Amino acid sequence: MENQNQRLERLRTQLVSAALTKETFLHPDVILLSQALDQLIVKVQREKYKRVAGQR
């Protein structure tokens, strides 16, 4: 099973590849990948914050 760090890296790689292939950041495929990556980054940051805040 893929962990969050692996998924982040996979999405990042897909985003870079799509942007290079489409030669624009405005293509719908690139935008969808960017949004998915953004959502996952926010999720990971929230979880990390909750862990750190819970340790105080």
Protein backbone atom coordinates (compact mmCIF):
# COMPACT_ATOMS: atom_id res chain seq x y z
CA MET A 1 0.00 0.00 0.00
CA GLU A 2 1.22 3.47 -0.89
CA ASN A 3 1.95 5.82 2.03
CA GLN A 4 1.34 9.56 1.91
CA ASN A 5 4.96 10.45 1.14
CA GLN A 6 5.00 8.02 -1.77
CA ARG A 7 1.70 9.42 -3.04
CA LEU A 8 3.05 12.99 -2.75
CA GLU A 9 6.11 12.05 -4.77
CA ARG A 10 4.05 10.16 -7.36
CA LEU A 11 1.68 13.11 -7.85
CA ARG A 12 4.59 15.56 -8.01
CA THR A 13 6.28 13.46 -10.69
CA GLN A 14 3.03 13.19 -12.65
CA LEU A 15 2.50 16.95 -12.40
CA VAL A 16 5.98 17.76 -13.70
CA SER A 17 5.63 15.23 -16.50
CA ALA A 18 2.20 16.54 -17.54
CA ALA A 19 3.36 20.16 -17.49
CA LEU A 20 6.35 19.31 -19.66
CA THR A 21 4.27 17.22 -22.06
CA LYS A 22 1.47 19.76 -22.39
CA GLU A 23 3.99 22.65 -22.41
CA THR A 24 1.67 24.70 -20.19
CA PHE A 25 0.42 24.87 -16.64
CA LEU A 26 -3.04 25.82 -17.91
CA HIS A 27 -4.00 22.46 -19.44
CA PRO A 28 -6.92 20.85 -17.55
CA ASP A 29 -4.89 17.68 -16.84
CA VAL A 30 -2.09 19.73 -15.28
CA ILE A 31 -4.54 21.76 -13.22
CA LEU A 32 -6.25 18.61 -11.91
CA LEU A 33 -2.93 17.10 -10.87
CA SER A 34 -1.89 20.36 -9.23
CA GLN A 35 -5.14 20.54 -7.28
CA ALA A 36 -4.84 16.91 -6.16
CA LEU A 37 -1.28 17.53 -5.01
CA ASP A 38 -2.33 20.71 -3.18
CA GLN A 39 -5.11 18.87 -1.36
CA LEU A 40 -2.78 16.08 -0.29
CA ILE A 41 -0.14 18.57 0.92
CA VAL A 42 -2.76 20.35 3.04
CA LYS A 43 -3.97 17.02 4.45
CA VAL A 44 -0.44 15.96 5.40
CA GLN A 45 0.29 19.35 6.97
CA ARG A 46 -2.92 19.24 9.02
CA GLU A 47 -2.13 15.74 10.28
CA LYS A 48 1.40 16.78 11.17
CA TYR A 49 0.13 19.87 13.01
CA LYS A 50 -2.36 17.76 14.99
CA ARG A 51 0.42 15.34 16.01
CA VAL A 52 2.73 18.16 17.08
CA ALA A 53 -0.04 20.07 18.87
CA GLY A 54 -1.08 16.89 20.67
CA GLN A 55 2.43 16.44 22.06
CA ARG A 56 2.38 19.79 23.86
